[in-house]
Each structure stands twice: as structure tokens, then as C-alpha cells.
Amino acid sequence: MSNLKNAFYASVGLVLKSKDKIEAAAKKFVKDNKIEAVEGKKFIDKTVKHVESAKKDLTKKFNEAVKTTVDKMGLITRKEVKYLKDELIHLKKKLSRSNSNFSSKSKEIKRKKK
């Protein structure tokens, strides 16, 4: 799982780094082509939005890949672990009450025999 996290962070880092480079390239393009300020701003904003969208798509695909991998490996999720812990606590309490009732009845039977 650690390797998957590292791969994810590396991918996001590349996207963010490329965002800065794309924004710089867009600004240079606007300057070199002497595009009007308003049009240049629109172009840069559109480019940055495209990079952000790519980042979101990458994150979504990564999460889906992790989920598929976890499912294929047969690993359980935190939600399932929590459910099992809660169930164990419930059963321990029930068993404890049952043992307590059994002890009380056992003492009562012994007293009746005497």
C-alpha cells in the first residue's frame, strides 16, 4: 500500500509541477504572440483549468485502481475492520452477561441443594 501511496503522490507532484510549467508556457505564449491582455488571461485560465481537470481525473483513476487492487488482493477495508471490532465488542458483552447470569443461577442451585 505504501508503494501505491508513493506512486500517487509522485503523480500528483508531476501534475502540479506541470501546472506551473504550463502556466509559465501559456504566459510566454501570450507575451510572444502579443495577445491582448483579456484574451491572454482567458487563455491562461483555460489552460490552468485543463490542468486542474487532469489532476482530478488522475486522482479518480488512481482511487479506482487502488480499490480494484484491494478487492483483487482480498484485503478488508477500514469500514469492515470497524464492523468486526464492533461485533466482537457486542459479542463479548453478551457473553459476559450470559456468564454472569449462569454464575448467579449456579449459586442459586447450590443454595437450594443445601
PDB file of N, CA and C in Angstrom:
ATOM      1  N   MET A   1       0.834  -1.192   0.000  1.00  0.00           N
ATOM      2  CA  MET A   1       0.000   0.000   0.000  1.00  0.00           C
ATOM      3  C   MET A   1       0.875   1.250   0.000  1.00  0.00           C
ATOM      4  N   SER A   2       2.026   1.161   0.673  1.00  0.00           N
ATOM      5  CA  SER A   2       2.954   2.278   0.731  1.00  0.00           C
ATOM      6  C   SER A   2       3.441   2.653  -0.671  1.00  0.00           C
ATOM      7  N   ASN A   3       3.711   1.645  -1.489  1.00  0.00           N
ATOM      8  CA  ASN A   3       4.166   1.903  -2.853  1.00  0.00           C
ATOM      9  C   ASN A   3       3.092   2.618  -3.662  1.00  0.00           C
ATOM     10  N   LEU A   4       1.835   2.229  -3.444  1.00  0.00           N
ATOM     11  CA  LEU A   4       0.735   2.878  -4.155  1.00  0.00           C
ATOM     12  C   LEU A   4       0.629   4.347  -3.755  1.00  0.00           C
ATOM     13  N   LYS A   5       0.785   4.614  -2.454  1.00  0.00           N
ATOM     14  CA  LYS A   5       0.726   5.998  -1.979  1.00  0.00           C
ATOM     15  C   LYS A   5       1.850   6.814  -2.609  1.00  0.00           C
ATOM     16  N   ASN A   6       3.047   6.234  -2.613  1.00  0.00           N
ATOM     17  CA  ASN A   6       4.185   6.949  -3.190  1.00  0.00           C
ATOM     18  C   ASN A   6       3.959   7.241  -4.667  1.00  0.00           C
ATOM     19  N   ALA A   7       3.418   6.269  -5.384  1.00  0.00           N
ATOM     20  CA  ALA A   7       3.138   6.462  -6.810  1.00  0.00           C
ATOM     21  C   ALA A   7       2.106   7.569  -6.999  1.00  0.00           C
ATOM     22  N   PHE A   8       1.096   7.563  -6.150  1.00  0.00           N
ATOM     23  CA  PHE A   8       0.056   8.589  -6.236  1.00  0.00           C
ATOM     24  C   PHE A   8       0.652   9.976  -6.004  1.00  0.00           C
ATOM     25  N   TYR A   9       1.419  10.112  -4.924  1.00  0.00           N
ATOM     26  CA  TYR A   9       1.997  11.413  -4.609  1.00  0.00           C
ATOM     27  C   TYR A   9       2.951  11.883  -5.700  1.00  0.00           C
ATOM     28  N   ALA A  10       3.687  10.946  -6.265  1.00  0.00           N
ATOM     29  CA  ALA A  10       4.589  11.301  -7.362  1.00  0.00           C
ATOM     30  C   ALA A  10       3.788  11.801  -8.563  1.00  0.00           C
ATOM     31  N   SER A  11       2.678  11.126  -8.866  1.00  0.00           N
ATOM     32  CA  SER A  11       1.830  11.538  -9.995  1.00  0.00           C
ATOM     33  C   SER A  11       1.243  12.921  -9.773  1.00  0.00           C
ATOM     34  N   VAL A  12       0.739  13.146  -8.562  1.00  0.00           N
ATOM     35  CA  VAL A  12       0.168  14.458  -8.251  1.00  0.00           C
ATOM     36  C   VAL A  12       1.249  15.525  -8.325  1.00  0.00           C
ATOM     37  N   GLY A  13       2.423  15.188  -7.822  1.00  0.00           N
ATOM     38  CA  GLY A  13       3.544  16.131  -7.893  1.00  0.00           C
ATOM     39  C   GLY A  13       3.874  16.502  -9.323  1.00  0.00           C
ATOM     40  N   LEU A  14       3.884  15.505 -10.200  1.00  0.00           N
ATOM     41  CA  LEU A  14       4.158  15.779 -11.609  1.00  0.00           C
ATOM     42  C   LEU A  14       3.084  16.660 -12.226  1.00  0.00           C
ATOM     43  N   VAL A  15       1.826  16.379 -11.874  1.00  0.00           N
ATOM     44  CA  VAL A  15       0.734  17.197 -12.414  1.00  0.00           C
ATOM     45  C   VAL A  15       0.864  18.632 -11.927  1.00  0.00           C
ATOM     46  N   LEU A  16       1.147  18.801 -10.623  1.00  0.00           N
ATOM     47  CA  LEU A  16       1.283  20.153 -10.087  1.00  0.00           C
ATOM     48  C   LEU A  16       2.487  20.868 -10.694  1.00  0.00           C
ATOM     49  N   LYS A  17       3.577  20.121 -10.836  1.00  0.00           N
ATOM     50  CA  LYS A  17       4.766  20.728 -11.444  1.00  0.00           C
ATOM     51  C   LYS A  17       4.460  21.126 -12.888  1.00  0.00           C
ATOM     52  N   SER A  18       3.777  20.248 -13.586  1.00  0.00           N
ATOM     53  CA  SER A  18       3.442  20.558 -14.973  1.00  0.00           C
ATOM     54  C   SER A  18       2.473  21.729 -15.045  1.00  0.00           C
ATOM     55  N   LYS A  19       1.628  21.882 -14.027  1.00  0.00           N
ATOM     56  CA  LYS A  19       0.696  23.016 -13.996  1.00  0.00           C
ATOM     57  C   LYS A  19       1.487  24.316 -13.999  1.00  0.00           C
ATOM     58  N   ASP A  20       2.510  24.387 -13.155  1.00  0.00           N
ATOM     59  CA  ASP A  20       3.335  25.593 -13.102  1.00  0.00           C
ATOM     60  C   ASP A  20       4.035  25.835 -14.436  1.00  0.00           C
ATOM     61  N   LYS A  21       4.548  24.744 -15.008  1.00  0.00           N
ATOM     62  CA  LYS A  21       5.243  24.874 -16.296  1.00  0.00           C
ATOM     63  C   LYS A  21       4.272  25.276 -17.404  1.00  0.00           C
ATOM     64  N   ILE A  22       3.079  24.690 -17.376  1.00  0.00           N
ATOM     65  CA  ILE A  22       2.083  25.027 -18.396  1.00  0.00           C
ATOM     66  C   ILE A  22       1.652  26.476 -18.256  1.00  0.00           C
ATOM     67  N   GLU A  23       1.462  26.903 -17.012  1.00  0.00           N
ATOM     68  CA  GLU A  23       1.061  28.294 -16.792  1.00  0.00           C
ATOM     69  C   GLU A  23       2.162  29.237 -17.283  1.00  0.00           C
ATOM     70  N   ALA A  24       3.410  28.903 -16.987  1.00  0.00           N
ATOM     71  CA  ALA A  24       4.530  29.741 -17.443  1.00  0.00           C
ATOM     72  C   ALA A  24       4.599  29.753 -18.978  1.00  0.00           C
ATOM     73  N   ALA A  25       4.420  28.570 -19.580  1.00  0.00           N
ATOM     74  CA  ALA A  25       4.454  28.485 -21.050  1.00  0.00           C
ATOM     75  C   ALA A  25       3.309  29.285 -21.656  1.00  0.00           C
ATOM     76  N   ALA A  26       2.142  29.224 -21.039  1.00  0.00           N
ATOM     77  CA  ALA A  26       0.985  29.972 -21.546  1.00  0.00           C
ATOM     78  C   ALA A  26       1.249  31.470 -21.472  1.00  0.00           C
ATOM     79  N   LYS A  27       1.840  31.900 -20.364  1.00  0.00           N
ATOM     80  CA  LYS A  27       2.157  33.332 -20.228  1.00  0.00           C
ATOM     81  C   LYS A  27       3.170  33.759 -21.295  1.00  0.00           C
ATOM     82  N   LYS A  28       4.176  32.903 -21.512  1.00  0.00           N
ATOM     83  CA  LYS A  28       5.186  33.207 -22.538  1.00  0.00           C
ATOM     84  C   LYS A  28       4.533  33.258 -23.918  1.00  0.00           C
ATOM     85  N   PHE A  29       3.634  32.314 -24.177  1.00  0.00           N
ATOM     86  CA  PHE A  29       2.922  32.270 -25.463  1.00  0.00           C
ATOM     87  C   PHE A  29       2.146  33.567 -25.678  1.00  0.00           C
ATOM     88  N   VAL A  30       1.454  33.990 -24.627  1.00  0.00           N
ATOM     89  CA  VAL A  30       0.662  35.225 -24.703  1.00  0.00           C
ATOM     90  C   VAL A  30       1.579  36.413 -24.987  1.00  0.00           C
ATOM     91  N   LYS A  31       2.702  36.461 -24.275  1.00  0.00           N
ATOM     92  CA  LYS A  31       3.637  37.582 -24.446  1.00  0.00           C
ATOM     93  C   LYS A  31       4.273  37.566 -25.841  1.00  0.00           C
ATOM     94  N   ASP A  32       4.756  36.393 -26.260  1.00  0.00           N
ATOM     95  CA  ASP A  32       5.431  36.274 -27.556  1.00  0.00           C
ATOM     96  C   ASP A  32       4.503  36.576 -28.731  1.00  0.00           C
ATOM     97  N   ASN A  33       3.250  36.202 -28.593  1.00  0.00           N
ATOM     98  CA  ASN A  33       2.306  36.411 -29.685  1.00  0.00           C
ATOM     99  C   ASN A  33       1.522  37.722 -29.545  1.00  0.00           C
ATOM    100  N   LYS A  34       1.924  38.483 -28.563  1.00  0.00           N
ATOM    101  CA  LYS A  34       1.332  39.801 -28.336  1.00  0.00           C
ATOM    102  C   LYS A  34      -0.200  39.745 -28.346  1.00  0.00           C
ATOM    103  N   ILE A  35      -0.693  38.760 -27.618  1.00  0.00           N
ATOM    104  CA  ILE A  35      -2.145  38.622 -27.483  1.00  0.00           C
ATOM    105  C   ILE A  35      -2.624  39.660 -26.472  1.00  0.00           C
ATOM    106  N   GLU A  36      -3.775  40.214 -26.719  1.00  0.00           N
ATOM    107  CA  GLU A  36      -4.322  41.214 -25.811  1.00  0.00           C
ATOM    108  C   GLU A  36      -4.446  40.639 -24.404  1.00  0.00           C
ATOM    109  N   ALA A  37      -4.381  41.510 -23.429  1.00  0.00           N
ATOM    110  CA  ALA A  37      -4.386  41.101 -22.019  1.00  0.00           C
ATOM    111  C   ALA A  37      -5.611  40.257 -21.671  1.00  0.00           C
ATOM    112  N   VAL A  38      -6.778  40.693 -22.117  1.00  0.00           N
ATOM    113  CA  VAL A  38      -8.016  39.969 -21.804  1.00  0.00           C
ATOM    114  C   VAL A  38      -7.991  38.574 -22.419  1.00  0.00           C
ATOM    115  N   GLU A  39      -7.616  38.503 -23.685  1.00  0.00           N
ATOM    116  CA  GLU A  39      -7.551  37.205 -24.362  1.00  0.00           C
ATOM    117  C   GLU A  39      -6.470  36.321 -23.731  1.00  0.00           C
ATOM    118  N   GLY A  40      -5.353  36.945 -23.384  1.00  0.00           N
ATOM    119  CA  GLY A  40      -4.265  36.195 -22.752  1.00  0.00           C
ATOM    120  C   GLY A  40      -4.685  35.609 -21.423  1.00  0.00           C
ATOM    121  N   LYS A  41      -5.401  36.393 -20.635  1.00  0.00           N
ATOM    122  CA  LYS A  41      -5.886  35.907 -19.341  1.00  0.00           C
ATOM    123  C   LYS A  41      -6.844  34.748 -19.536  1.00  0.00           C
ATOM    124  N   LYS A  42      -7.735  34.870 -20.512  1.00  0.00           N
ATOM    125  CA  LYS A  42      -8.678  33.780 -20.802  1.00  0.00           C
ATOM    126  C   LYS A  42      -7.925  32.507 -21.182  1.00  0.00           C
ATOM    127  N   PHE A  43      -6.907  32.657 -22.023  1.00  0.00           N
ATOM    128  CA  PHE A  43      -6.118  31.511 -22.466  1.00  0.00           C
ATOM    129  C   PHE A  43      -5.416  30.841 -21.277  1.00  0.00           C
ATOM    130  N   ILE A  44      -4.801  31.655 -20.425  1.00  0.00           N
ATOM    131  CA  ILE A  44      -4.096  31.113 -19.255  1.00  0.00           C
ATOM    132  C   ILE A  44      -5.086  30.431 -18.310  1.00  0.00           C
ATOM    133  N   ASP A  45      -6.208  31.070 -18.042  1.00  0.00           N
ATOM    134  CA  ASP A  45      -7.218  30.488 -17.150  1.00  0.00           C
ATOM    135  C   ASP A  45      -7.730  29.150 -17.695  1.00  0.00           C
ATOM    136  N   LYS A  46      -7.975  29.126 -19.002  1.00  0.00           N
ATOM    137  CA  LYS A  46      -8.460  27.892 -19.630  1.00  0.00           C
ATOM    138  C   LYS A  46      -7.413  26.783 -19.509  1.00  0.00           C
ATOM    139  N   THR A  47      -6.168  27.142 -19.719  1.00  0.00           N
ATOM    140  CA  THR A  47      -5.085  26.157 -19.616  1.00  0.00           C
ATOM    141  C   THR A  47      -4.966  25.623 -18.192  1.00  0.00           C
ATOM    142  N   VAL A  48      -5.022  26.515 -17.212  1.00  0.00           N
ATOM    143  CA  VAL A  48      -4.921  26.106 -15.802  1.00  0.00           C
ATOM    144  C   VAL A  48      -6.109  25.219 -15.429  1.00  0.00           C
ATOM    145  N   LYS A  49      -7.302  25.556 -15.884  1.00  0.00           N
ATOM    146  CA  LYS A  49      -8.483  24.724 -15.603  1.00  0.00           C
ATOM    147  C   LYS A  49      -8.315  23.332 -16.199  1.00  0.00           C
ATOM    148  N   HIS A  50      -7.735  23.284 -17.384  1.00  0.00           N
ATOM    149  CA  HIS A  50      -7.493  21.991 -18.026  1.00  0.00           C
ATOM    150  C   HIS A  50      -6.542  21.139 -17.183  1.00  0.00           C
ATOM    151  N   VAL A  51      -5.499  21.759 -16.650  1.00  0.00           N
ATOM    152  CA  VAL A  51      -4.537  21.034 -15.803  1.00  0.00           C
ATOM    153  C   VAL A  51      -5.233  20.556 -14.524  1.00  0.00           C
ATOM    154  N   GLU A  52      -6.044  21.415 -13.924  1.00  0.00           N
ATOM    155  CA  GLU A  52      -6.776  21.030 -12.713  1.00  0.00           C
ATOM    156  C   GLU A  52      -7.715  19.848 -12.991  1.00  0.00           C
ATOM    157  N   SER A  53      -8.371  19.894 -14.128  1.00  0.00           N
ATOM    158  CA  SER A  53      -9.265  18.806 -14.520  1.00  0.00           C
ATOM    159  C   SER A  53      -8.484  17.507 -14.699  1.00  0.00           C
ATOM    160  N   ALA A  54      -7.320  17.611 -15.302  1.00  0.00           N
ATOM    161  CA  ALA A  54      -6.475  16.429 -15.495  1.00  0.00           C
ATOM    162  C   ALA A  54      -6.054  15.863 -14.147  1.00  0.00           C
ATOM    163  N   LYS A  55      -5.766  16.743 -13.201  1.00  0.00           N
ATOM    164  CA  LYS A  55      -5.379  16.316 -11.848  1.00  0.00           C
ATOM    165  C   LYS A  55      -6.530  15.557 -11.185  1.00  0.00           C
ATOM    166  N   LYS A  56      -7.743  16.081 -11.310  1.00  0.00           N
ATOM    167  CA  LYS A  56      -8.906  15.409 -10.721  1.00  0.00           C
ATOM    168  C   LYS A  56      -9.129  14.042 -11.370  1.00  0.00           C
ATOM    169  N   ASP A  57      -8.993  13.979 -12.688  1.00  0.00           N
ATOM    170  CA  ASP A  57      -9.148  12.700 -13.389  1.00  0.00           C
ATOM    171  C   ASP A  57      -8.096  11.700 -12.934  1.00  0.00           C
ATOM    172  N   LEU A  58      -6.871  12.175 -12.770  1.00  0.00           N
ATOM    173  CA  LEU A  58      -5.788  11.308 -12.317  1.00  0.00           C
ATOM    174  C   LEU A  58      -6.091  10.764 -10.927  1.00  0.00           C
ATOM    175  N   THR A  59      -6.550  11.621 -10.042  1.00  0.00           N
ATOM    176  CA  THR A  59      -6.886  11.206  -8.682  1.00  0.00           C
ATOM    177  C   THR A  59      -7.995  10.168  -8.699  1.00  0.00           C
ATOM    178  N   LYS A  60      -9.017  10.408  -9.501  1.00  0.00           N
ATOM    179  CA  LYS A  60     -10.140   9.475  -9.601  1.00  0.00           C
ATOM    180  C   LYS A  60      -9.674   8.112 -10.119  1.00  0.00           C
ATOM    181  N   LYS A  61      -8.878   8.128 -11.175  1.00  0.00           N
ATOM    182  CA  LYS A  61      -8.381   6.873 -11.742  1.00  0.00           C
ATOM    183  C   LYS A  61      -7.487   6.138 -10.756  1.00  0.00           C
ATOM    184  N   PHE A  62      -6.673   6.882 -10.022  1.00  0.00           N
ATOM    185  CA  PHE A  62      -5.804   6.261  -9.027  1.00  0.00           C
ATOM    186  C   PHE A  62      -6.639   5.593  -7.937  1.00  0.00           C
ATOM    187  N   ASN A  63      -7.644   6.305  -7.435  1.00  0.00           N
ATOM    188  CA  ASN A  63      -8.504   5.736  -6.388  1.00  0.00           C
ATOM    189  C   ASN A  63      -9.217   4.473  -6.875  1.00  0.00           C
ATOM    190  N   GLU A  64      -9.674   4.493  -8.117  1.00  0.00           N
ATOM    191  CA  GLU A  64     -10.327   3.311  -8.683  1.00  0.00           C
ATOM    192  C   GLU A  64      -9.339   2.152  -8.801  1.00  0.00           C
ATOM    193  N   ALA A  65      -8.107   2.452  -9.200  1.00  0.00           N
ATOM    194  CA  ALA A  65      -7.081   1.406  -9.333  1.00  0.00           C
ATOM    195  C   ALA A  65      -6.754   0.808  -7.968  1.00  0.00           C
ATOM    196  N   VAL A  66      -6.661   1.648  -6.955  1.00  0.00           N
ATOM    197  CA  VAL A  66      -6.382   1.153  -5.606  1.00  0.00           C
ATOM    198  C   VAL A  66      -7.525   0.266  -5.129  1.00  0.00           C
ATOM    199  N   LYS A  67      -8.758   0.711  -5.328  1.00  0.00           N
ATOM    200  CA  LYS A  67      -9.917  -0.079  -4.895  1.00  0.00           C
ATOM    201  C   LYS A  67      -9.928  -1.432  -5.600  1.00  0.00           C
ATOM    202  N   THR A  68      -9.683  -1.443  -6.897  1.00  0.00           N
ATOM    203  CA  THR A  68      -9.646  -2.692  -7.655  1.00  0.00           C
ATOM    204  C   THR A  68      -8.547  -3.606  -7.134  1.00  0.00           C
ATOM    205  N   THR A  69      -7.388  -3.032  -6.863  1.00  0.00           N
ATOM    206  CA  THR A  69      -6.259  -3.818  -6.348  1.00  0.00           C
ATOM    207  C   THR A  69      -6.585  -4.412  -4.982  1.00  0.00           C
ATOM    208  N   VAL A  70      -7.155  -3.610  -4.118  1.00  0.00           N
ATOM    209  CA  VAL A  70      -7.522  -4.078  -2.775  1.00  0.00           C
ATOM    210  C   VAL A  70      -8.543  -5.209  -2.880  1.00  0.00           C
ATOM    211  N   ASP A  71      -9.522  -5.044  -3.758  1.00  0.00           N
ATOM    212  CA  ASP A  71     -10.541  -6.080  -3.951  1.00  0.00           C
ATOM    213  C   ASP A  71      -9.919  -7.377  -4.470  1.00  0.00           C
ATOM    214  N   LYS A  72      -9.027  -7.250  -5.445  1.00  0.00           N
ATOM    215  CA  LYS A  72      -8.392  -8.440  -6.021  1.00  0.00           C
ATOM    216  C   LYS A  72      -7.512  -9.158  -5.006  1.00  0.00           C
ATOM    217  N   MET A  73      -6.887  -8.378  -4.124  1.00  0.00           N
ATOM    218  CA  MET A  73      -5.998  -8.970  -3.125  1.00  0.00           C
ATOM    219  C   MET A  73      -6.789  -9.585  -1.966  1.00  0.00           C
ATOM    220  N   GLY A  74      -8.056  -9.274  -1.899  1.00  0.00           N
ATOM    221  CA  GLY A  74      -8.885  -9.816  -0.832  1.00  0.00           C
ATOM    222  C   GLY A  74      -8.670  -9.109   0.499  1.00  0.00           C
ATOM    223  N   LEU A  75      -8.134  -7.902   0.463  1.00  0.00           N
ATOM    224  CA  LEU A  75      -7.920  -7.141   1.691  1.00  0.00           C
ATOM    225  C   LEU A  75      -9.247  -6.563   2.174  1.00  0.00           C
ATOM    226  N   ILE A  76      -9.330  -6.375   3.479  1.00  0.00           N
ATOM    227  CA  ILE A  76     -10.556  -5.783   4.002  1.00  0.00           C
ATOM    228  C   ILE A  76     -10.347  -4.289   4.222  1.00  0.00           C
ATOM    229  N   THR A  77     -11.430  -3.579   4.183  1.00  0.00           N
ATOM    230  CA  THR A  77     -11.371  -2.127   4.323  1.00  0.00           C
ATOM    231  C   THR A  77     -11.447  -1.729   5.788  1.00  0.00           C
ATOM    232  N   ARG A  78     -11.144  -0.485   6.066  1.00  0.00           N
ATOM    233  CA  ARG A  78     -11.249   0.032   7.443  1.00  0.00           C
ATOM    234  C   ARG A  78     -12.686  -0.090   7.947  1.00  0.00           C
ATOM    235  N   LYS A  79     -13.617   0.140   7.058  1.00  0.00           N
ATOM    236  CA  LYS A  79     -15.030   0.054   7.427  1.00  0.00           C
ATOM    237  C   LYS A  79     -15.360  -1.369   7.883  1.00  0.00           C
ATOM    238  N   GLU A  80     -14.842  -2.353   7.151  1.00  0.00           N
ATOM    239  CA  GLU A  80     -15.092  -3.751   7.516  1.00  0.00           C
ATOM    240  C   GLU A  80     -14.395  -4.109   8.827  1.00  0.00           C
ATOM    241  N   VAL A  81     -13.182  -3.597   9.043  1.00  0.00           N
ATOM    242  CA  VAL A  81     -12.463  -3.847  10.297  1.00  0.00           C
ATOM    243  C   VAL A  81     -13.247  -3.254  11.457  1.00  0.00           C
ATOM    244  N   LYS A  82     -13.748  -2.027  11.282  1.00  0.00           N
ATOM    245  CA  LYS A  82     -14.532  -1.383  12.340  1.00  0.00           C
ATOM    246  C   LYS A  82     -15.774  -2.209  12.651  1.00  0.00           C
ATOM    247  N   TYR A  83     -16.444  -2.689  11.604  1.00  0.00           N
ATOM    248  CA  TYR A  83     -17.632  -3.512  11.812  1.00  0.00           C
ATOM    249  C   TYR A  83     -17.279  -4.753  12.631  1.00  0.00           C
ATOM    250  N   LEU A  84     -16.187  -5.418  12.286  1.00  0.00           N
ATOM    251  CA  LEU A  84     -15.784  -6.628  13.006  1.00  0.00           C
ATOM    252  C   LEU A  84     -15.421  -6.320  14.459  1.00  0.00           C
ATOM    253  N   LYS A  85     -14.740  -5.212  14.700  1.00  0.00           N
ATOM    254  CA  LYS A  85     -14.405  -4.815  16.073  1.00  0.00           C
ATOM    255  C   LYS A  85     -15.680  -4.566  16.882  1.00  0.00           C
ATOM    256  N   ASP A  86     -16.597  -3.834  16.280  1.00  0.00           N
ATOM    257  CA  ASP A  86     -17.869  -3.549  16.964  1.00  0.00           C
ATOM    258  C   ASP A  86     -18.615  -4.840  17.275  1.00  0.00           C
ATOM    259  N   GLU A  87     -18.604  -5.764  16.330  1.00  0.00           N
ATOM    260  CA  GLU A  87     -19.286  -7.046  16.524  1.00  0.00           C
ATOM    261  C   GLU A  87     -18.631  -7.837  17.655  1.00  0.00           C
ATOM    262  N   LEU A  88     -17.305  -7.827  17.717  1.00  0.00           N
ATOM    263  CA  LEU A  88     -16.593  -8.521  18.797  1.00  0.00           C
ATOM    264  C   LEU A  88     -16.938  -7.919  20.162  1.00  0.00           C
ATOM    265  N   ILE A  89     -16.963  -6.598  20.220  1.00  0.00           N
ATOM    266  CA  ILE A  89     -17.324  -5.935  21.478  1.00  0.00           C
ATOM    267  C   ILE A  89     -18.731  -6.340  21.894  1.00  0.00           C
ATOM    268  N   HIS A  90     -19.647  -6.336  20.954  1.00  0.00           N
ATOM    269  CA  HIS A  90     -21.032  -6.719  21.223  1.00  0.00           C
ATOM    270  C   HIS A  90     -21.102  -8.165  21.741  1.00  0.00           C
ATOM    271  N   LEU A  91     -20.400  -9.066  21.072  1.00  0.00           N
ATOM    272  CA  LEU A  91     -20.423 -10.472  21.476  1.00  0.00           C
ATOM    273  C   LEU A  91     -19.765 -10.685  22.845  1.00  0.00           C
ATOM    274  N   LYS A  92     -18.694  -9.951  23.125  1.00  0.00           N
ATOM    275  CA  LYS A  92     -18.038 -10.060  24.438  1.00  0.00           C
ATOM    276  C   LYS A  92     -18.986  -9.616  25.543  1.00  0.00           C
ATOM    277  N   LYS A  93     -19.691  -8.516  25.307  1.00  0.00           N
ATOM    278  CA  LYS A  93     -20.651  -8.035  26.301  1.00  0.00           C
ATOM    279  C   LYS A  93     -21.755  -9.063  26.515  1.00  0.00           C
ATOM    280  N   LYS A  94     -22.244  -9.606  25.426  1.00  0.00           N
ATOM    281  CA  LYS A  94     -23.312 -10.607  25.501  1.00  0.00           C
ATOM    282  C   LYS A  94     -22.826 -11.849  26.250  1.00  0.00           C
ATOM    283  N   LEU A  95     -21.617 -12.289  25.959  1.00  0.00           N
ATOM    284  CA  LEU A  95     -21.037 -13.453  26.620  1.00  0.00           C
ATOM    285  C   LEU A  95     -20.817 -13.167  28.095  1.00  0.00           C
ATOM    286  N   SER A  96     -20.365 -11.979  28.403  1.00  0.00           N
ATOM    287  CA  SER A  96     -20.142 -11.587  29.789  1.00  0.00           C
ATOM    288  C   SER A  96     -21.455 -11.600  30.572  1.00  0.00           C
ATOM    289  N   ARG A  97     -22.519 -11.058  29.976  1.00  0.00           N
ATOM    290  CA  ARG A  97     -23.834 -11.074  30.633  1.00  0.00           C
ATOM    291  C   ARG A  97     -24.320 -12.507  30.802  1.00  0.00           C
ATOM    292  N   SER A  98     -24.093 -13.313  29.790  1.00  0.00           N
ATOM    293  CA  SER A  98     -24.513 -14.705  29.843  1.00  0.00           C
ATOM    294  C   SER A  98     -23.781 -15.444  30.952  1.00  0.00           C
ATOM    295  N   ASN A  99     -22.473 -15.228  31.072  1.00  0.00           N
ATOM    296  CA  ASN A  99     -21.688 -15.860  32.127  1.00  0.00           C
ATOM    297  C   ASN A  99     -22.120 -15.374  33.495  1.00  0.00           C
ATOM    298  N   SER A 100     -22.448 -14.106  33.592  1.00  0.00           N
ATOM    299  CA  SER A 100     -22.906 -13.535  34.853  1.00  0.00           C
ATOM    300  C   SER A 100     -24.223 -14.179  35.270  1.00  0.00           C
ATOM    301  N   ASN A 101     -25.147 -14.322  34.324  1.00  0.00           N
ATOM    302  CA  ASN A 101     -26.427 -14.975  34.615  1.00  0.00           C
ATOM    303  C   ASN A 101     -26.219 -16.432  34.989  1.00  0.00           C
ATOM    304  N   PHE A 102     -25.305 -17.107  34.304  1.00  0.00           N
ATOM    305  CA  PHE A 102     -25.016 -18.512  34.579  1.00  0.00           C
ATOM    306  C   PHE A 102     -24.456 -18.662  35.988  1.00  0.00           C
ATOM    307  N   SER A 103     -23.554 -17.782  36.406  1.00  0.00           N
ATOM    308  CA  SER A 103     -22.969 -17.836  37.745  1.00  0.00           C
ATOM    309  C   SER A 103     -24.032 -17.622  38.802  1.00  0.00           C
ATOM    310  N   SER A 104     -24.924 -16.679  38.575  1.00  0.00           N
ATOM    311  CA  SER A 104     -25.994 -16.402  39.530  1.00  0.00           C
ATOM    312  C   SER A 104     -26.904 -17.617  39.674  1.00  0.00           C
ATOM    313  N   LYS A 105     -27.287 -18.209  38.573  1.00  0.00           N
ATOM    314  CA  LYS A 105     -28.162 -19.384  38.611  1.00  0.00           C
ATOM    315  C   LYS A 105     -27.456 -20.563  39.265  1.00  0.00           C
ATOM    316  N   SER A 106     -26.185 -20.702  38.998  1.00  0.00           N
ATOM    317  CA  SER A 106     -25.398 -21.795  39.558  1.00  0.00           C
ATOM    318  C   SER A 106     -25.334 -21.672  41.077  1.00  0.00           C
ATOM    319  N   LYS A 107     -25.129 -20.471  41.590  1.00  0.00           N
ATOM    320  CA  LYS A 107     -25.083 -20.232  43.037  1.00  0.00           C
ATOM    321  C   LYS A 107     -26.446 -20.519  43.661  1.00  0.00           C
ATOM    322  N   GLU A 108     -27.499 -20.126  42.965  1.00  0.00           N
ATOM    323  CA  GLU A 108     -28.860 -20.326  43.455  1.00  0.00           C
ATOM    324  C   GLU A 108     -29.167 -21.821  43.564  1.00  0.00           C
ATOM    325  N   ILE A 109     -28.746 -22.591  42.586  1.00  0.00           N
ATOM    326  CA  ILE A 109     -28.975 -24.042  42.587  1.00  0.00           C
ATOM    327  C   ILE A 109     -28.215 -24.692  43.735  1.00  0.00           C
ATOM    328  N   LYS A 110     -26.997 -24.244  43.964  1.00  0.00           N
ATOM    329  CA  LYS A 110     -26.187 -24.807  45.059  1.00  0.00           C
ATOM    330  C   LYS A 110     -26.845 -24.530  46.401  1.00  0.00           C
ATOM    331  N   ARG A 111     -27.407 -23.330  46.590  1.00  0.00           N
ATOM    332  CA  ARG A 111     -28.071 -22.984  47.838  1.00  0.00           C
ATOM    333  C   ARG A 111     -29.306 -23.831  48.047  1.00  0.00           C
ATOM    334  N   LYS A 112     -30.013 -24.119  46.984  1.00  0.00           N
ATOM    335  CA  LYS A 112     -31.245 -24.914  47.098  1.00  0.00           C
ATOM    336  C   LYS A 112     -30.923 -26.347  47.484  1.00  0.00           C
ATOM    337  N   LYS A 113     -29.795 -26.865  47.038  1.00  0.00           N
ATOM    338  CA  LYS A 113     -29.402 -28.244  47.341  1.00  0.00           C
ATOM    339  C   LYS A 113     -29.053 -28.413  48.801  1.00  0.00           C
ATOM    340  N   LYS A 114     -28.561 -27.385  49.436  1.00  0.00           N
ATOM    341  CA  LYS A 114     -28.142 -27.483  50.837  1.00  0.00           C
ATOM    342  C   LYS A 114     -29.310 -27.490  51.709  1.00  0.00           C
TER     343      LYS A 114
END
